[in-house]
Protein backbone atom coordinates (compact mmCIF):
# COMPACT_ATOMS: atom_id res chain seq x y z
CA MET A 1 42.91 113.76 41.96
CA THR A 2 39.73 113.29 39.92
CA PRO A 3 39.26 116.49 37.93
CA SER A 4 35.89 117.84 36.93
CA LEU A 5 37.42 120.14 34.30
CA LEU A 6 39.87 119.55 31.45
CA VAL A 7 40.95 123.02 30.45
CA THR A 8 42.62 123.93 27.16
CA HIS A 9 42.65 127.03 25.01
CA SER A 10 39.78 128.36 22.93
CA GLY A 11 40.05 129.40 19.28
CA GLY A 12 41.58 127.32 16.50
CA PHE A 13 42.50 123.80 17.56
CA HIS A 14 45.60 121.78 16.74
CA ALA A 15 46.67 118.18 16.96
CA ASP A 16 48.52 118.49 20.27
CA GLU A 17 45.58 119.55 22.46
CA LEU A 18 43.19 117.30 20.53
CA LEU A 19 45.38 114.28 21.19
CA SER A 20 45.92 115.35 24.80
CA SER A 21 42.13 115.45 25.11
CA VAL A 22 41.92 111.89 23.76
CA VAL A 23 44.08 110.66 26.62
CA LEU A 24 42.46 112.72 29.35
CA THR A 25 38.84 112.05 28.39
CA ARG A 26 39.52 108.31 28.48
CA LEU A 27 40.92 108.60 31.99
CA TYR A 28 38.36 111.14 33.24
CA PRO A 29 35.16 110.55 31.23
CA GLU A 30 33.04 112.56 33.66
CA ALA A 31 35.20 115.67 33.35
CA ARG A 32 34.03 118.52 31.13
CA ILE A 33 36.30 120.00 28.50
CA LEU A 34 36.51 123.76 28.91
CA ARG A 35 38.08 125.70 26.04
CA THR A 36 39.00 129.16 27.25
CA ARG A 37 41.76 131.70 27.76
CA GLU A 38 40.02 133.37 30.72
CA PRO A 39 42.75 133.87 33.37
CA ALA A 40 40.85 132.42 36.33
CA SER A 41 40.08 129.22 34.41
CA ILE A 42 43.65 128.64 33.28
CA THR A 43 45.02 129.07 36.80
CA PRO A 44 45.86 125.77 38.55
CA ALA A 45 43.22 124.50 40.98
CA PRO A 46 42.37 121.11 42.53
CA ASP A 47 39.39 120.54 40.23
CA ARG A 48 41.20 120.76 36.88
CA ILE A 49 43.91 119.65 34.51
CA ILE A 50 45.18 122.46 32.28
CA TYR A 51 47.01 121.77 29.03
CA ASP A 52 48.38 123.71 26.07
CA VAL A 53 47.57 126.98 27.81
CA GLY A 54 48.51 128.81 31.00
CA GLY A 55 52.21 129.43 30.51
CA LEU A 56 53.42 126.83 33.03
CA TYR A 57 54.55 123.25 33.22
CA ASP A 58 54.04 121.89 36.70
CA ALA A 59 52.86 118.30 36.91
CA GLU A 60 52.21 118.56 40.66
CA ARG A 61 49.73 121.37 39.99
CA ALA A 62 48.34 119.63 36.89
CA ILE A 63 49.28 122.27 34.33
CA PHE A 64 50.98 121.19 31.12
CA ASP A 65 51.86 124.07 28.80
CA HIS A 66 54.89 124.37 26.51
CA HIS A 67 54.66 127.89 25.09
CA GLN A 68 56.53 129.71 27.85
CA ARG A 69 60.20 130.65 28.11
CA ASP A 70 62.28 127.76 29.42
CA ALA A 71 59.72 125.42 27.90
CA PRO A 72 60.09 121.74 28.84
CA MET A 73 62.42 119.65 26.73
CA ARG A 74 62.93 115.94 26.31
CA PRO A 75 66.16 114.43 27.68
CA ASP A 76 67.63 114.56 24.16
CA GLY A 77 66.86 118.28 23.85
CA GLN A 78 63.82 118.00 21.60
CA PRO A 79 60.82 120.13 22.59
CA TYR A 80 57.63 118.81 24.10
CA SER A 81 54.18 119.84 22.99
CA SER A 82 51.28 119.54 25.40
CA PHE A 83 50.63 116.08 23.97
CA GLY A 84 54.15 114.94 24.79
CA LEU A 85 53.76 116.18 28.36
CA ILE A 86 50.36 114.57 28.81
CA TRP A 87 51.69 111.31 27.36
CA LYS A 88 54.71 111.43 29.66
CA HIS A 89 52.56 111.74 32.78
CA PHE A 90 49.33 109.96 31.82
CA GLY A 91 50.30 107.63 28.97
CA GLN A 92 50.78 104.46 30.98
CA ASP A 93 47.50 104.99 32.81
CA TYR A 94 45.82 105.46 29.44
CA LEU A 95 47.33 102.23 28.11
CA ARG A 96 46.24 100.39 31.23
CA ALA A 97 42.71 101.73 30.73
CA THR A 98 42.67 100.45 27.15
CA GLY A 99 43.58 96.94 28.29
CA ILE A 100 47.29 96.73 27.47
CA PRO A 101 48.82 94.01 29.71
CA GLY A 102 51.04 95.29 32.48
CA VAL A 103 54.04 93.40 31.16
CA ASP A 104 53.78 95.34 27.86
CA LEU A 105 53.04 98.81 29.25
CA ALA A 106 56.56 100.21 29.19
CA THR A 107 57.30 98.84 25.71
CA VAL A 108 54.06 100.08 24.12
CA HIS A 109 54.39 103.44 25.89
CA ALA A 110 57.91 103.96 24.56
CA ASP A 111 57.03 102.75 21.06
CA PHE A 112 54.02 105.07 20.77
CA ASP A 113 56.03 107.95 22.17
CA ALA A 114 58.85 107.49 19.65
CA ARG A 115 56.72 106.76 16.57
CA PHE A 116 53.71 109.00 17.13
CA VAL A 117 53.92 111.45 20.04
CA LEU A 118 57.40 112.74 19.21
CA LEU A 119 56.35 113.61 15.66
CA ILE A 120 53.38 115.62 16.96
CA ASP A 121 55.73 117.40 19.37
CA GLN A 122 58.15 118.23 16.59
CA LEU A 123 55.48 119.47 14.19
CA ASP A 124 53.74 121.58 16.81
CA ASN A 125 56.98 123.27 17.82
CA GLY A 126 58.25 123.83 14.29
CA ALA A 127 61.13 121.42 14.82
CA LEU A 128 59.82 119.35 11.91
CA ASP A 129 58.55 121.04 8.77
CA PRO A 130 55.51 119.30 7.26
CA SER A 131 56.82 120.28 3.82
CA ILE A 132 59.22 117.31 4.02
CA ALA A 133 56.16 115.23 3.09
CA GLY A 134 56.06 117.06 -0.24
CA PRO A 135 52.66 117.02 -1.93
CA LEU A 136 51.35 114.83 0.91
CA ALA A 137 52.03 117.48 3.56
CA GLY A 138 48.36 118.32 3.87
CA MET A 139 47.57 114.66 4.37
CA THR A 140 49.48 114.33 7.65
CA LEU A 141 47.31 113.67 10.69
CA PRO A 142 47.75 117.21 12.09
CA GLY A 143 46.86 118.67 8.70
CA LEU A 144 43.77 116.52 8.31
CA LEU A 145 42.55 117.28 11.84
CA GLU A 146 42.85 121.00 11.19
CA THR A 147 40.69 120.73 8.08
CA LEU A 148 37.82 119.97 10.47
CA LYS A 149 37.86 123.54 11.82
CA PRO A 150 34.76 125.58 10.93
CA VAL A 151 35.00 127.71 7.82
CA PHE A 152 35.76 131.38 8.36
CA ASP A 153 32.21 132.67 7.90
CA ASP A 154 30.41 130.11 10.05
CA ALA A 155 28.75 132.42 12.57
CA ASP A 156 27.33 129.70 14.81
CA PRO A 157 28.88 130.26 18.27
CA GLU A 158 28.84 126.50 18.90
CA ALA A 159 30.56 125.58 15.63
CA GLU A 160 34.09 125.64 17.06
CA MET A 161 33.21 123.36 19.97
CA ARG A 162 31.32 120.92 17.77
CA ALA A 163 34.25 120.77 15.37
CA PHE A 164 36.67 120.25 18.26
CA HIS A 165 34.74 117.23 19.53
CA THR A 166 34.39 115.78 16.04
CA ALA A 167 38.14 116.10 15.50
CA ARG A 168 38.83 114.62 18.96
CA GLN A 169 36.75 111.55 18.20
CA ILE A 170 38.55 111.03 14.89
CA ALA A 171 41.93 111.53 16.58
CA GLN A 172 40.90 108.96 19.20
CA SER A 173 40.33 106.37 16.49
CA PHE A 174 43.86 106.86 15.17
CA VAL A 175 45.42 106.72 18.63
CA GLU A 176 43.57 103.54 19.58
CA ALA A 177 44.34 101.85 16.27
CA ARG A 178 48.04 102.73 16.44
CA ILE A 179 48.32 101.47 20.01
CA ALA A 180 46.44 98.27 19.13
CA ARG A 181 48.92 97.61 16.33
CA SER A 182 51.87 98.21 18.64
CA ALA A 183 50.46 95.75 21.16
CA ALA A 184 49.71 93.25 18.40
CA LYS A 185 53.34 93.31 17.28
CA LEU A 186 54.37 92.17 20.75
CA ARG A 187 51.85 89.33 20.65
CA ALA A 188 53.10 88.33 17.21
CA GLU A 189 56.73 88.28 18.30
CA ASP A 190 56.46 85.07 20.30
CA ILE A 191 54.51 83.31 17.55
CA VAL A 192 57.01 84.32 14.87
CA ARG A 193 59.97 83.35 17.04
CA GLN A 194 58.54 79.86 17.53
CA ALA A 195 57.96 79.59 13.78
CA ILE A 196 61.57 80.60 13.08
CA HIS A 197 62.72 77.89 15.47
CA ARG A 198 60.54 75.31 13.70
CA ALA A 199 61.80 76.43 10.29
CA GLY A 200 65.39 75.68 11.24
CA SER A 201 67.60 76.00 8.16
CA SER A 202 64.61 76.13 5.78
CA ARG A 203 64.27 79.33 3.79
CA ILE A 204 60.50 79.26 4.21
CA LEU A 205 58.79 80.63 7.31
CA GLU A 206 55.33 79.16 7.90
CA LEU A 207 52.98 81.14 10.13
CA PRO A 208 49.54 80.15 11.46
CA MET A 209 47.97 83.39 10.18
CA GLY A 210 48.92 86.72 8.68
CA MET A 211 50.77 88.83 11.24
CA PRO A 212 53.69 91.27 11.59
CA PHE A 213 56.79 89.13 11.16
CA ARG A 214 59.67 91.18 9.79
CA PRO A 215 60.72 92.86 13.09
CA THR A 216 61.22 89.44 14.71
CA VAL A 217 62.97 88.00 11.66
CA ILE A 218 65.43 90.91 11.84
CA LYS A 219 65.77 90.82 15.63
CA ASP A 220 66.49 87.09 15.59
CA GLY A 221 69.00 87.38 12.75
CA ALA A 222 67.08 84.94 10.53
CA ASP A 223 68.86 86.19 7.42
CA HIS A 224 68.45 82.87 5.63
CA LEU A 225 64.67 83.21 5.32
CA LEU A 226 63.38 84.26 1.90
CA PHE A 227 59.63 83.65 1.90
CA VAL A 228 56.67 83.49 4.28
CA VAL A 229 53.56 81.34 3.91
CA ASN A 230 50.34 81.51 5.90
CA PRO A 231 46.63 80.73 5.55
CA ARG A 232 44.49 83.59 4.24
CA GLY A 233 40.78 82.86 4.55
CA ASP A 234 40.06 79.87 2.33
CA ASP A 235 43.40 80.22 0.52
CA TRP A 236 47.09 80.23 1.38
CA SER A 237 49.52 83.08 0.78
CA LEU A 238 53.19 83.13 -0.23
CA GLY A 239 55.05 86.40 0.18
CA GLY A 240 58.54 87.85 0.13
CA ILE A 241 60.47 89.55 2.94
CA ARG A 242 61.50 93.18 2.50
CA ARG A 243 65.21 93.90 2.66
CA ALA A 244 64.81 97.18 4.56
CA ASP A 245 62.27 99.07 6.63
CA HIS A 246 61.65 101.42 3.71
CA GLY A 247 61.18 100.60 0.07
CA PHE A 248 59.86 97.50 -1.63
CA ALA A 249 63.02 95.54 -2.48
CA LEU A 250 62.71 91.92 -1.34
CA ARG A 251 65.30 89.38 -0.29
CA ALA A 252 64.01 87.35 -3.25
CA ASP A 253 61.24 87.93 -5.79
CA LEU A 254 58.85 85.24 -6.87
CA PRO A 255 59.72 83.70 -10.27
CA LEU A 256 59.39 86.03 -13.24
CA ALA A 257 57.50 83.36 -15.20
CA TRP A 258 54.66 83.53 -12.64
CA ALA A 259 54.10 87.28 -12.84
CA GLY A 260 50.48 88.26 -13.42
CA LEU A 261 49.22 84.70 -13.98
CA SER A 262 46.26 83.04 -12.32
CA ASP A 263 44.38 79.75 -12.17
CA ALA A 264 45.03 77.39 -15.09
CA ALA A 265 47.77 79.56 -16.57
CA LEU A 266 49.66 79.63 -13.26
CA GLU A 267 49.09 75.91 -12.69
CA LYS A 268 50.59 75.21 -16.13
CA VAL A 269 53.69 77.33 -15.55
CA THR A 270 54.35 76.10 -12.02
CA GLY A 271 53.17 72.53 -12.46
CA VAL A 272 51.33 72.92 -9.14
CA PRO A 273 47.64 71.95 -8.98
CA GLY A 274 45.81 74.53 -6.93
CA ALA A 275 48.08 77.45 -7.79
CA GLY A 276 45.75 80.46 -7.82
CA PHE A 277 47.42 83.80 -8.50
CA CYS A 278 50.73 85.64 -8.60
CA HIS A 279 50.86 89.42 -8.45
CA ASN A 280 52.55 91.09 -11.37
CA GLY A 281 54.93 92.70 -8.87
CA ARG A 282 56.07 89.19 -7.81
CA PHE A 283 55.80 89.89 -4.08
CA ILE A 284 52.78 87.71 -3.30
CA ALA A 285 51.14 84.58 -4.64
CA VAL A 286 48.08 82.59 -3.58
CA ALA A 287 47.16 78.91 -3.73
CA ARG A 288 44.12 76.93 -2.71
CA THR A 289 45.82 74.48 -0.34
CA ARG A 290 48.74 74.35 2.08
CA GLU A 291 50.38 71.64 -0.02
CA ALA A 292 50.16 73.79 -3.14
CA ILE A 293 51.56 76.91 -1.49
CA LEU A 294 54.45 75.00 0.07
CA GLU A 295 55.33 73.52 -3.30
CA MET A 296 55.23 76.99 -4.88
CA ALA A 297 57.45 78.24 -2.05
CA ARG A 298 59.89 75.38 -2.68
CA LEU A 299 60.04 76.29 -6.37
CA ALA A 300 60.54 79.98 -5.55
CA VAL A 301 63.41 79.12 -3.19
CA GLN A 302 64.98 76.87 -5.80
CA GLU A 303 64.98 79.65 -8.39
CA ALA A 304 66.24 82.22 -5.88
CA GLU A 305 69.12 79.95 -4.83
CA GLN A 306 70.05 79.34 -8.46
CA ALA A 307 70.12 83.11 -8.99
CA GLU A 308 72.30 83.51 -5.88
CA ALA A 309 74.72 80.88 -7.15
CA THR A 310 74.91 82.51 -10.57
CA ALA A 311 75.50 85.94 -9.07
CA GLY A 312 78.12 84.55 -6.72
């Protein structure tokens, strides 16, 4: 089926139908979005996909609503929004259209579903209260998208539709960026794994460029690693490895004596020509050459191991 209409409800818009529209307009760029609650338009027909309206979920008839009694639920009992339903049925086609390799489709689809789509489903259905974000509640993606609605006294009859398309385009940017990052993590995994193998028993992981590394370090059980070095433009970077997914605690901090120093002052303290900068938070340092950054990494490991021995 190649629809000519993508039908969703009129009135105030929300993240779930905006994000559904992102997926469907990529797959069916010639189709027209129709925002309506007129009964004939929200009745299944061969020329349309209907979502977030209509009171039915029937993939065979291309209608994907979640507001009705006996609304569709995920296998774990969590509720779908229209976005979750659209992603379930069209997500892999969308990923294929954006250029995700076939071998990665299932992994990227599942990752985006768990880390992005599910949260939209939960928020839209009231299963997750945005207030858990505290003062940042209004800064969630659904909250920000809804700020793009016309103000109450905008009498222009086209204002709502213009705002909808503006919000859809912004939502599209977030979807594409999030998916690109998910795919990039898979590409990085092989590179990081090879680097771990090359590092052997060394506590320093050297990478050919900045990239996501922690998931592979954890997955491969490389608990001995303390620091990561990689080129960064004309310089080289030395950074720590976070202990947990959340928070800022590192397996080892850079030496306290380096904190906040740069150039000649850092060279003097480290004894390393080419030492450039160490953040006051001691989680990253920079040097001008590979040799300099590796020597700084060696010194950082030495101090960390001495601290381990003292604590032990």
